[in-house]
Amino acid sequence: MSEWFNYEATLKILVFSLLAGAALPGVFALGVRLHAAGVGEIGTGGATPHRNPVLIALAWAIYALVVAVVILGVLYIARDYIAHHTGWAFLGADPT
């Protein structure tokens, strides 16, 4: 292992960037597709569209998951700032 290059940290950054940059938008796209199928906009073939409330509920659950991950990411980035100004240490923050 090199003293000037941290391979472990580089691997962690690579894995996180792949998850945040590819998986999260992919999950959101899945939610959009499920929502479109749930309201009957996909595969009707000219017939009257039929709503599927299960797909719509699943799509909204996926949207909620994506929003929660984004909010958690912002809080993780700002955890030291928030801990410093409020005194409330969370997500491994240093309140000093």
PDB file of N, CA and C in Angstrom:
ATOM      1  N   MET A   1       0.841  -1.177   0.000  1.00  0.00           N
ATOM      2  CA  MET A   1       0.000   0.000   0.000  1.00  0.00           C
ATOM      3  C   MET A   1       0.880   1.233   0.000  1.00  0.00           C
ATOM      4  N   SER A   2       0.497   2.187  -0.806  1.00  0.00           N
ATOM      5  CA  SER A   2       1.258   3.420  -0.930  1.00  0.00           C
ATOM      6  C   SER A   2       0.966   4.352   0.249  1.00  0.00           C
ATOM      7  N   GLU A   3       1.961   5.138   0.638  1.00  0.00           N
ATOM      8  CA  GLU A   3       1.764   6.071   1.747  1.00  0.00           C
ATOM      9  C   GLU A   3       1.035   7.333   1.310  1.00  0.00           C
ATOM     10  N   TRP A   4       1.092   7.684   0.056  1.00  0.00           N
ATOM     11  CA  TRP A   4       0.474   8.916  -0.404  1.00  0.00           C
ATOM     12  C   TRP A   4      -0.891   8.704  -1.064  1.00  0.00           C
ATOM     13  N   PHE A   5      -1.284   7.471  -1.284  1.00  0.00           N
ATOM     14  CA  PHE A   5      -2.571   7.181  -1.929  1.00  0.00           C
ATOM     15  C   PHE A   5      -3.340   6.187  -1.081  1.00  0.00           C
ATOM     16  N   ASN A   6      -4.539   6.539  -0.691  1.00  0.00           N
ATOM     17  CA  ASN A   6      -5.364   5.704   0.166  1.00  0.00           C
ATOM     18  C   ASN A   6      -6.334   4.904  -0.704  1.00  0.00           C
ATOM     19  N   TYR A   7      -6.002   3.641  -0.937  1.00  0.00           N
ATOM     20  CA  TYR A   7      -6.825   2.792  -1.806  1.00  0.00           C
ATOM     21  C   TYR A   7      -8.192   2.494  -1.192  1.00  0.00           C
ATOM     22  N   GLU A   8      -8.230   2.312   0.110  1.00  0.00           N
ATOM     23  CA  GLU A   8      -9.495   2.002   0.775  1.00  0.00           C
ATOM     24  C   GLU A   8     -10.487   3.158   0.657  1.00  0.00           C
ATOM     25  N   ALA A   9     -10.013   4.383   0.890  1.00  0.00           N
ATOM     26  CA  ALA A   9     -10.887   5.554   0.764  1.00  0.00           C
ATOM     27  C   ALA A   9     -11.328   5.748  -0.678  1.00  0.00           C
ATOM     28  N   THR A  10     -10.439   5.494  -1.612  1.00  0.00           N
ATOM     29  CA  THR A  10     -10.788   5.620  -3.026  1.00  0.00           C
ATOM     30  C   THR A  10     -11.864   4.622  -3.410  1.00  0.00           C
ATOM     31  N   LEU A  11     -11.764   3.402  -2.908  1.00  0.00           N
ATOM     32  CA  LEU A  11     -12.781   2.393  -3.193  1.00  0.00           C
ATOM     33  C   LEU A  11     -14.128   2.775  -2.586  1.00  0.00           C
ATOM     34  N   LYS A  12     -14.125   3.317  -1.373  1.00  0.00           N
ATOM     35  CA  LYS A  12     -15.365   3.764  -0.739  1.00  0.00           C
ATOM     36  C   LYS A  12     -16.017   4.887  -1.541  1.00  0.00           C
ATOM     37  N   ILE A  13     -15.217   5.838  -1.998  1.00  0.00           N
ATOM     38  CA  ILE A  13     -15.746   6.945  -2.796  1.00  0.00           C
ATOM     39  C   ILE A  13     -16.301   6.436  -4.113  1.00  0.00           C
ATOM     40  N   LEU A  14     -15.624   5.485  -4.739  1.00  0.00           N
ATOM     41  CA  LEU A  14     -16.083   4.924  -6.000  1.00  0.00           C
ATOM     42  C   LEU A  14     -17.412   4.205  -5.836  1.00  0.00           C
ATOM     43  N   VAL A  15     -17.542   3.391  -4.798  1.00  0.00           N
ATOM     44  CA  VAL A  15     -18.783   2.647  -4.570  1.00  0.00           C
ATOM     45  C   VAL A  15     -19.925   3.610  -4.258  1.00  0.00           C
ATOM     46  N   PHE A  16     -19.687   4.606  -3.411  1.00  0.00           N
ATOM     47  CA  PHE A  16     -20.741   5.562  -3.077  1.00  0.00           C
ATOM     48  C   PHE A  16     -21.152   6.373  -4.292  1.00  0.00           C
ATOM     49  N   SER A  17     -20.199   6.790  -5.103  1.00  0.00           N
ATOM     50  CA  SER A  17     -20.556   7.581  -6.273  1.00  0.00           C
ATOM     51  C   SER A  17     -21.347   6.760  -7.280  1.00  0.00           C
ATOM     52  N   LEU A  18     -21.048   5.471  -7.400  1.00  0.00           N
ATOM     53  CA  LEU A  18     -21.836   4.620  -8.283  1.00  0.00           C
ATOM     54  C   LEU A  18     -23.256   4.462  -7.757  1.00  0.00           C
ATOM     55  N   LEU A  19     -23.396   4.298  -6.451  1.00  0.00           N
ATOM     56  CA  LEU A  19     -24.728   4.168  -5.868  1.00  0.00           C
ATOM     57  C   LEU A  19     -25.530   5.462  -6.008  1.00  0.00           C
ATOM     58  N   ALA A  20     -24.917   6.579  -5.673  1.00  0.00           N
ATOM     59  CA  ALA A  20     -25.631   7.848  -5.720  1.00  0.00           C
ATOM     60  C   ALA A  20     -25.845   8.323  -7.152  1.00  0.00           C
ATOM     61  N   GLY A  21     -24.904   8.029  -8.020  1.00  0.00           N
ATOM     62  CA  GLY A  21     -24.986   8.536  -9.379  1.00  0.00           C
ATOM     63  C   GLY A  21     -25.758   7.664 -10.334  1.00  0.00           C
ATOM     64  N   ALA A  22     -25.930   6.395 -10.029  1.00  0.00           N
ATOM     65  CA  ALA A  22     -26.616   5.492 -10.951  1.00  0.00           C
ATOM     66  C   ALA A  22     -27.822   4.819 -10.312  1.00  0.00           C
ATOM     67  N   ALA A  23     -27.666   4.318  -9.127  1.00  0.00           N
ATOM     68  CA  ALA A  23     -28.748   3.544  -8.510  1.00  0.00           C
ATOM     69  C   ALA A  23     -29.925   4.429  -8.105  1.00  0.00           C
ATOM     70  N   LEU A  24     -29.661   5.570  -7.500  1.00  0.00           N
ATOM     71  CA  LEU A  24     -30.751   6.419  -7.045  1.00  0.00           C
ATOM     72  C   LEU A  24     -31.582   6.965  -8.210  1.00  0.00           C
ATOM     73  N   PRO A  25     -30.978   7.489  -9.272  1.00  0.00           N
ATOM     74  CA  PRO A  25     -31.800   7.884 -10.421  1.00  0.00           C
ATOM     75  C   PRO A  25     -32.500   6.702 -11.081  1.00  0.00           C
ATOM     76  N   GLY A  26     -31.887   5.531 -11.050  1.00  0.00           N
ATOM     77  CA  GLY A  26     -32.535   4.347 -11.598  1.00  0.00           C
ATOM     78  C   GLY A  26     -33.763   3.949 -10.804  1.00  0.00           C
ATOM     79  N   VAL A  27     -33.682   4.037  -9.482  1.00  0.00           N
ATOM     80  CA  VAL A  27     -34.833   3.738  -8.637  1.00  0.00           C
ATOM     81  C   VAL A  27     -35.941   4.761  -8.878  1.00  0.00           C
ATOM     82  N   PHE A  28     -35.563   6.037  -9.032  1.00  0.00           N
ATOM     83  CA  PHE A  28     -36.556   7.066  -9.325  1.00  0.00           C
ATOM     84  C   PHE A  28     -37.226   6.800 -10.673  1.00  0.00           C
ATOM     85  N   ALA A  29     -36.459   6.398 -11.672  1.00  0.00           N
ATOM     86  CA  ALA A  29     -37.031   6.070 -12.979  1.00  0.00           C
ATOM     87  C   ALA A  29     -37.998   4.888 -12.880  1.00  0.00           C
ATOM     88  N   LEU A  30     -37.676   3.925 -12.041  1.00  0.00           N
ATOM     89  CA  LEU A  30     -38.585   2.813 -11.812  1.00  0.00           C
ATOM     90  C   LEU A  30     -39.894   3.312 -11.207  1.00  0.00           C
ATOM     91  N   GLY A  31     -39.808   4.261 -10.291  1.00  0.00           N
ATOM     92  CA  GLY A  31     -41.005   4.846  -9.707  1.00  0.00           C
ATOM     93  C   GLY A  31     -41.851   5.565 -10.745  1.00  0.00           C
ATOM     94  N   VAL A  32     -41.203   6.292 -11.658  1.00  0.00           N
ATOM     95  CA  VAL A  32     -41.932   6.977 -12.722  1.00  0.00           C
ATOM     96  C   VAL A  32     -42.632   5.965 -13.622  1.00  0.00           C
ATOM     97  N   ARG A  33     -41.945   4.899 -13.956  1.00  0.00           N
ATOM     98  CA  ARG A  33     -42.531   3.864 -14.813  1.00  0.00           C
ATOM     99  C   ARG A  33     -43.722   3.184 -14.126  1.00  0.00           C
ATOM    100  N   LEU A  34     -43.577   2.857 -12.846  1.00  0.00           N
ATOM    101  CA  LEU A  34     -44.681   2.242 -12.113  1.00  0.00           C
ATOM    102  C   LEU A  34     -45.874   3.188 -11.999  1.00  0.00           C
ATOM    103  N   HIS A  35     -45.601   4.466 -11.813  1.00  0.00           N
ATOM    104  CA  HIS A  35     -46.686   5.436 -11.714  1.00  0.00           C
ATOM    105  C   HIS A  35     -47.426   5.547 -13.043  1.00  0.00           C
ATOM    106  N   ALA A  36     -46.693   5.578 -14.131  1.00  0.00           N
ATOM    107  CA  ALA A  36     -47.333   5.651 -15.449  1.00  0.00           C
ATOM    108  C   ALA A  36     -48.167   4.402 -15.721  1.00  0.00           C
ATOM    109  N   ALA A  37     -47.655   3.251 -15.340  1.00  0.00           N
ATOM    110  CA  ALA A  37     -48.417   2.014 -15.524  1.00  0.00           C
ATOM    111  C   ALA A  37     -49.631   1.987 -14.597  1.00  0.00           C
ATOM    112  N   GLY A  38     -49.508   2.561 -13.432  1.00  0.00           N
ATOM    113  CA  GLY A  38     -50.600   2.554 -12.466  1.00  0.00           C
ATOM    114  C   GLY A  38     -51.772   3.421 -12.873  1.00  0.00           C
ATOM    115  N   VAL A  39     -51.489   4.528 -13.552  1.00  0.00           N
ATOM    116  CA  VAL A  39     -52.589   5.396 -13.979  1.00  0.00           C
ATOM    117  C   VAL A  39     -53.147   4.972 -15.329  1.00  0.00           C
ATOM    118  N   GLY A  40     -52.572   3.948 -15.946  1.00  0.00           N
ATOM    119  CA  GLY A  40     -53.108   3.403 -17.185  1.00  0.00           C
ATOM    120  C   GLY A  40     -52.617   4.072 -18.438  1.00  0.00           C
ATOM    121  N   GLU A  41     -51.452   4.695 -18.404  1.00  0.00           N
ATOM    122  CA  GLU A  41     -50.920   5.369 -19.582  1.00  0.00           C
ATOM    123  C   GLU A  41     -50.030   4.471 -20.421  1.00  0.00           C
ATOM    124  N   ILE A  42     -49.735   3.281 -19.969  1.00  0.00           N
ATOM    125  CA  ILE A  42     -48.836   2.378 -20.678  1.00  0.00           C
ATOM    126  C   ILE A  42     -49.600   1.126 -21.061  1.00  0.00           C
ATOM    127  N   GLY A  43     -49.485   0.727 -22.301  1.00  0.00           N
ATOM    128  CA  GLY A  43     -50.031  -0.540 -22.752  1.00  0.00           C
ATOM    129  C   GLY A  43     -51.541  -0.597 -22.844  1.00  0.00           C
ATOM    130  N   THR A  44     -52.200   0.542 -23.107  1.00  0.00           N
ATOM    131  CA  THR A  44     -53.657   0.505 -23.216  1.00  0.00           C
ATOM    132  C   THR A  44     -54.102   0.063 -24.603  1.00  0.00           C
ATOM    133  N   GLY A  45     -53.306   0.340 -25.629  1.00  0.00           N
ATOM    134  CA  GLY A  45     -53.653  -0.085 -26.989  1.00  0.00           C
ATOM    135  C   GLY A  45     -54.928   0.545 -27.495  1.00  0.00           C
ATOM    136  N   GLY A  46     -55.216   1.762 -27.074  1.00  0.00           N
ATOM    137  CA  GLY A  46     -56.416   2.448 -27.511  1.00  0.00           C
ATOM    138  C   GLY A  46     -57.638   2.159 -26.655  1.00  0.00           C
ATOM    139  N   ALA A  47     -57.541   1.220 -25.749  1.00  0.00           N
ATOM    140  CA  ALA A  47     -58.676   0.895 -24.878  1.00  0.00           C
ATOM    141  C   ALA A  47     -58.751   1.897 -23.729  1.00  0.00           C
ATOM    142  N   THR A  48     -59.803   1.832 -23.004  1.00  0.00           N
ATOM    143  CA  THR A  48     -59.970   2.696 -21.833  1.00  0.00           C
ATOM    144  C   THR A  48     -58.952   2.299 -20.767  1.00  0.00           C
ATOM    145  N   PRO A  49     -58.157   3.267 -20.293  1.00  0.00           N
ATOM    146  CA  PRO A  49     -57.135   2.918 -19.303  1.00  0.00           C
ATOM    147  C   PRO A  49     -57.751   2.521 -17.964  1.00  0.00           C
ATOM    148  N   HIS A  50     -57.138   1.551 -17.333  1.00  0.00           N
ATOM    149  CA  HIS A  50     -57.582   1.089 -16.015  1.00  0.00           C
ATOM    150  C   HIS A  50     -56.525   1.464 -14.984  1.00  0.00           C
ATOM    151  N   ARG A  51     -56.951   2.070 -13.911  1.00  0.00           N
ATOM    152  CA  ARG A  51     -56.024   2.460 -12.847  1.00  0.00           C
ATOM    153  C   ARG A  51     -55.689   1.247 -11.986  1.00  0.00           C
ATOM    154  N   ASN A  52     -54.445   1.220 -11.539  1.00  0.00           N
ATOM    155  CA  ASN A  52     -53.985   0.167 -10.642  1.00  0.00           C
ATOM    156  C   ASN A  52     -53.447   0.842  -9.387  1.00  0.00           C
ATOM    157  N   PRO A  53     -54.236   0.917  -8.320  1.00  0.00           N
ATOM    158  CA  PRO A  53     -53.793   1.638  -7.125  1.00  0.00           C
ATOM    159  C   PRO A  53     -52.577   1.022  -6.438  1.00  0.00           C
ATOM    160  N   VAL A  54     -52.347  -0.259  -6.634  1.00  0.00           N
ATOM    161  CA  VAL A  54     -51.173  -0.889  -6.012  1.00  0.00           C
ATOM    162  C   VAL A  54     -49.895  -0.334  -6.636  1.00  0.00           C
ATOM    163  N   LEU A  55     -49.876  -0.201  -7.968  1.00  0.00           N
ATOM    164  CA  LEU A  55     -48.699   0.347  -8.632  1.00  0.00           C
ATOM    165  C   LEU A  55     -48.484   1.813  -8.278  1.00  0.00           C
ATOM    166  N   ILE A  56     -49.571   2.543  -8.152  1.00  0.00           N
ATOM    167  CA  ILE A  56     -49.440   3.953  -7.771  1.00  0.00           C
ATOM    168  C   ILE A  56     -48.886   4.070  -6.350  1.00  0.00           C
ATOM    169  N   ALA A  57     -49.360   3.254  -5.437  1.00  0.00           N
ATOM    170  CA  ALA A  57     -48.853   3.276  -4.060  1.00  0.00           C
ATOM    171  C   ALA A  57     -47.380   2.878  -4.010  1.00  0.00           C
ATOM    172  N   LEU A  58     -47.002   1.888  -4.800  1.00  0.00           N
ATOM    173  CA  LEU A  58     -45.602   1.476  -4.850  1.00  0.00           C
ATOM    174  C   LEU A  58     -44.722   2.585  -5.426  1.00  0.00           C
ATOM    175  N   ALA A  59     -45.229   3.273  -6.436  1.00  0.00           N
ATOM    176  CA  ALA A  59     -44.481   4.389  -7.016  1.00  0.00           C
ATOM    177  C   ALA A  59     -44.276   5.492  -5.986  1.00  0.00           C
ATOM    178  N   TRP A  60     -45.319   5.815  -5.219  1.00  0.00           N
ATOM    179  CA  TRP A  60     -45.178   6.854  -4.203  1.00  0.00           C
ATOM    180  C   TRP A  60     -44.241   6.424  -3.074  1.00  0.00           C
ATOM    181  N   ALA A  61     -44.217   5.149  -2.764  1.00  0.00           N
ATOM    182  CA  ALA A  61     -43.261   4.648  -1.765  1.00  0.00           C
ATOM    183  C   ALA A  61     -41.832   4.805  -2.276  1.00  0.00           C
ATOM    184  N   ILE A  62     -41.631   4.556  -3.556  1.00  0.00           N
ATOM    185  CA  ILE A  62     -40.294   4.735  -4.143  1.00  0.00           C
ATOM    186  C   ILE A  62     -39.909   6.206  -4.137  1.00  0.00           C
ATOM    187  N   TYR A  63     -40.853   7.096  -4.464  1.00  0.00           N
ATOM    188  CA  TYR A  63     -40.563   8.537  -4.411  1.00  0.00           C
ATOM    189  C   TYR A  63     -40.175   8.955  -2.992  1.00  0.00           C
ATOM    190  N   ALA A  64     -40.888   8.440  -2.002  1.00  0.00           N
ATOM    191  CA  ALA A  64     -40.583   8.775  -0.601  1.00  0.00           C
ATOM    192  C   ALA A  64     -39.194   8.276  -0.214  1.00  0.00           C
ATOM    193  N   LEU A  65     -38.828   7.089  -0.690  1.00  0.00           N
ATOM    194  CA  LEU A  65     -37.497   6.555  -0.410  1.00  0.00           C
ATOM    195  C   LEU A  65     -36.412   7.440  -1.012  1.00  0.00           C
ATOM    196  N   VAL A  66     -36.614   7.879  -2.244  1.00  0.00           N
ATOM    197  CA  VAL A  66     -35.627   8.739  -2.903  1.00  0.00           C
ATOM    198  C   VAL A  66     -35.491  10.062  -2.170  1.00  0.00           C
ATOM    199  N   VAL A  67     -36.603  10.656  -1.775  1.00  0.00           N
ATOM    200  CA  VAL A  67     -36.555  11.922  -1.034  1.00  0.00           C
ATOM    201  C   VAL A  67     -35.857  11.730   0.311  1.00  0.00           C
ATOM    202  N   ALA A  68     -36.129  10.631   0.995  1.00  0.00           N
ATOM    203  CA  ALA A  68     -35.485  10.361   2.290  1.00  0.00           C
ATOM    204  C   ALA A  68     -33.978  10.194   2.129  1.00  0.00           C
ATOM    205  N   VAL A  69     -33.550   9.518   1.080  1.00  0.00           N
ATOM    206  CA  VAL A  69     -32.116   9.335   0.848  1.00  0.00           C
ATOM    207  C   VAL A  69     -31.442  10.672   0.551  1.00  0.00           C
ATOM    208  N   VAL A  70     -32.092  11.514  -0.231  1.00  0.00           N
ATOM    209  CA  VAL A  70     -31.526  12.835  -0.541  1.00  0.00           C
ATOM    210  C   VAL A  70     -31.426  13.682   0.725  1.00  0.00           C
ATOM    211  N   ILE A  71     -32.477  13.698   1.534  1.00  0.00           N
ATOM    212  CA  ILE A  71     -32.449  14.481   2.775  1.00  0.00           C
ATOM    213  C   ILE A  71     -31.382  13.947   3.723  1.00  0.00           C
ATOM    214  N   LEU A  72     -31.275  12.637   3.841  1.00  0.00           N
ATOM    215  CA  LEU A  72     -30.244  12.047   4.695  1.00  0.00           C
ATOM    216  C   LEU A  72     -28.843  12.402   4.193  1.00  0.00           C
ATOM    217  N   GLY A  73     -28.658  12.420   2.892  1.00  0.00           N
ATOM    218  CA  GLY A  73     -27.367  12.806   2.324  1.00  0.00           C
ATOM    219  C   GLY A  73     -27.006  14.244   2.628  1.00  0.00           C
ATOM    220  N   VAL A  74     -27.967  15.144   2.518  1.00  0.00           N
ATOM    221  CA  VAL A  74     -27.712  16.552   2.836  1.00  0.00           C
ATOM    222  C   VAL A  74     -27.410  16.708   4.322  1.00  0.00           C
ATOM    223  N   LEU A  75     -28.161  16.026   5.172  1.00  0.00           N
ATOM    224  CA  LEU A  75     -27.891  16.093   6.613  1.00  0.00           C
ATOM    225  C   LEU A  75     -26.524  15.508   6.951  1.00  0.00           C
ATOM    226  N   TYR A  76     -26.114  14.464   6.256  1.00  0.00           N
ATOM    227  CA  TYR A  76     -24.800  13.869   6.511  1.00  0.00           C
ATOM    228  C   TYR A  76     -23.686  14.841   6.133  1.00  0.00           C
ATOM    229  N   ILE A  77     -23.877  15.543   5.028  1.00  0.00           N
ATOM    230  CA  ILE A  77     -22.860  16.508   4.599  1.00  0.00           C
ATOM    231  C   ILE A  77     -22.779  17.666   5.589  1.00  0.00           C
ATOM    232  N   ALA A  78     -23.918  18.116   6.104  1.00  0.00           N
ATOM    233  CA  ALA A  78     -23.955  19.277   6.993  1.00  0.00           C
ATOM    234  C   ALA A  78     -23.955  18.913   8.465  1.00  0.00           C
ATOM    235  N   ARG A  79     -23.627  17.684   8.818  1.00  0.00           N
ATOM    236  CA  ARG A  79     -23.763  17.231  10.199  1.00  0.00           C
ATOM    237  C   ARG A  79     -22.868  17.998  11.167  1.00  0.00           C
ATOM    238  N   ASP A  80     -21.632  18.308  10.800  1.00  0.00           N
ATOM    239  CA  ASP A  80     -20.753  19.038  11.712  1.00  0.00           C
ATOM    240  C   ASP A  80     -21.226  20.482  11.909  1.00  0.00           C
ATOM    241  N   TYR A  81     -21.690  21.112  10.841  1.00  0.00           N
ATOM    242  CA  TYR A  81     -22.209  22.474  10.933  1.00  0.00           C
ATOM    243  C   TYR A  81     -23.435  22.510  11.846  1.00  0.00           C
ATOM    244  N   ILE A  82     -24.355  21.584  11.642  1.00  0.00           N
ATOM    245  CA  ILE A  82     -25.567  21.537  12.469  1.00  0.00           C
ATOM    246  C   ILE A  82     -25.216  21.231  13.921  1.00  0.00           C
ATOM    247  N   ALA A  83     -24.302  20.293  14.124  1.00  0.00           N
ATOM    248  CA  ALA A  83     -23.903  19.936  15.491  1.00  0.00           C
ATOM    249  C   ALA A  83     -23.215  21.103  16.180  1.00  0.00           C
ATOM    250  N   HIS A  84     -22.417  21.858  15.446  1.00  0.00           N
ATOM    251  CA  HIS A  84     -21.721  22.994  16.030  1.00  0.00           C
ATOM    252  C   HIS A  84     -22.701  24.083  16.469  1.00  0.00           C
ATOM    253  N   HIS A  85     -23.715  24.346  15.668  1.00  0.00           N
ATOM    254  CA  HIS A  85     -24.635  25.435  15.970  1.00  0.00           C
ATOM    255  C   HIS A  85     -25.787  25.046  16.884  1.00  0.00           C
ATOM    256  N   THR A  86     -26.122  23.770  16.940  1.00  0.00           N
ATOM    257  CA  THR A  86     -27.243  23.355  17.785  1.00  0.00           C
ATOM    258  C   THR A  86     -26.803  22.560  19.012  1.00  0.00           C
ATOM    259  N   GLY A  87     -25.598  21.998  18.967  1.00  0.00           N
ATOM    260  CA  GLY A  87     -25.128  21.164  20.074  1.00  0.00           C
ATOM    261  C   GLY A  87     -25.666  19.745  20.014  1.00  0.00           C
ATOM    262  N   TRP A  88     -26.397  19.435  18.974  1.00  0.00           N
ATOM    263  CA  TRP A  88     -26.997  18.116  18.802  1.00  0.00           C
ATOM    264  C   TRP A  88     -26.132  17.302  17.847  1.00  0.00           C
ATOM    265  N   ALA A  89     -25.401  16.333  18.381  1.00  0.00           N
ATOM    266  CA  ALA A  89     -24.511  15.504  17.568  1.00  0.00           C
ATOM    267  C   ALA A  89     -25.275  14.318  17.029  1.00  0.00           C
ATOM    268  N   PHE A  90     -25.285  14.146  15.727  1.00  0.00           N
ATOM    269  CA  PHE A  90     -25.951  13.017  15.095  1.00  0.00           C
ATOM    270  C   PHE A  90     -25.132  12.612  13.873  1.00  0.00           C
ATOM    271  N   LEU A  91     -25.350  11.393  13.430  1.00  0.00           N
ATOM    272  CA  LEU A  91     -24.649  10.819  12.275  1.00  0.00           C
ATOM    273  C   LEU A  91     -23.135  10.890  12.429  1.00  0.00           C
ATOM    274  N   GLY A  92     -22.645  10.770  13.654  1.00  0.00           N
ATOM    275  CA  GLY A  92     -21.206  10.763  13.894  1.00  0.00           C
ATOM    276  C   GLY A  92     -20.571  12.132  13.877  1.00  0.00           C
ATOM    277  N   ALA A  93     -21.346  13.173  14.109  1.00  0.00           N
ATOM    278  CA  ALA A  93     -20.823  14.540  14.065  1.00  0.00           C
ATOM    279  C   ALA A  93     -20.020  14.862  15.312  1.00  0.00           C
ATOM    280  N   ASP A  94     -19.124  15.848  15.157  1.00  0.00           N
ATOM    281  CA  ASP A  94     -18.324  16.342  16.268  1.00  0.00           C
ATOM    282  C   ASP A  94     -18.887  17.697  16.669  1.00  0.00           C
ATOM    283  N   PRO A  95     -19.541  17.822  17.832  1.00  0.00           N
ATOM    284  CA  PRO A  95     -20.211  19.081  18.187  1.00  0.00           C
ATOM    285  C   PRO A  95     -19.293  20.212  18.623  1.00  0.00           C
ATOM    286  N   THR A  96     -17.997  20.033  18.590  1.00  0.00           N
ATOM    287  CA  THR A  96     -17.097  21.101  19.058  1.00  0.00           C
ATOM    288  C   THR A  96     -16.912  22.188  18.053  1.00  0.00           C
TER     289      THR A  96
END
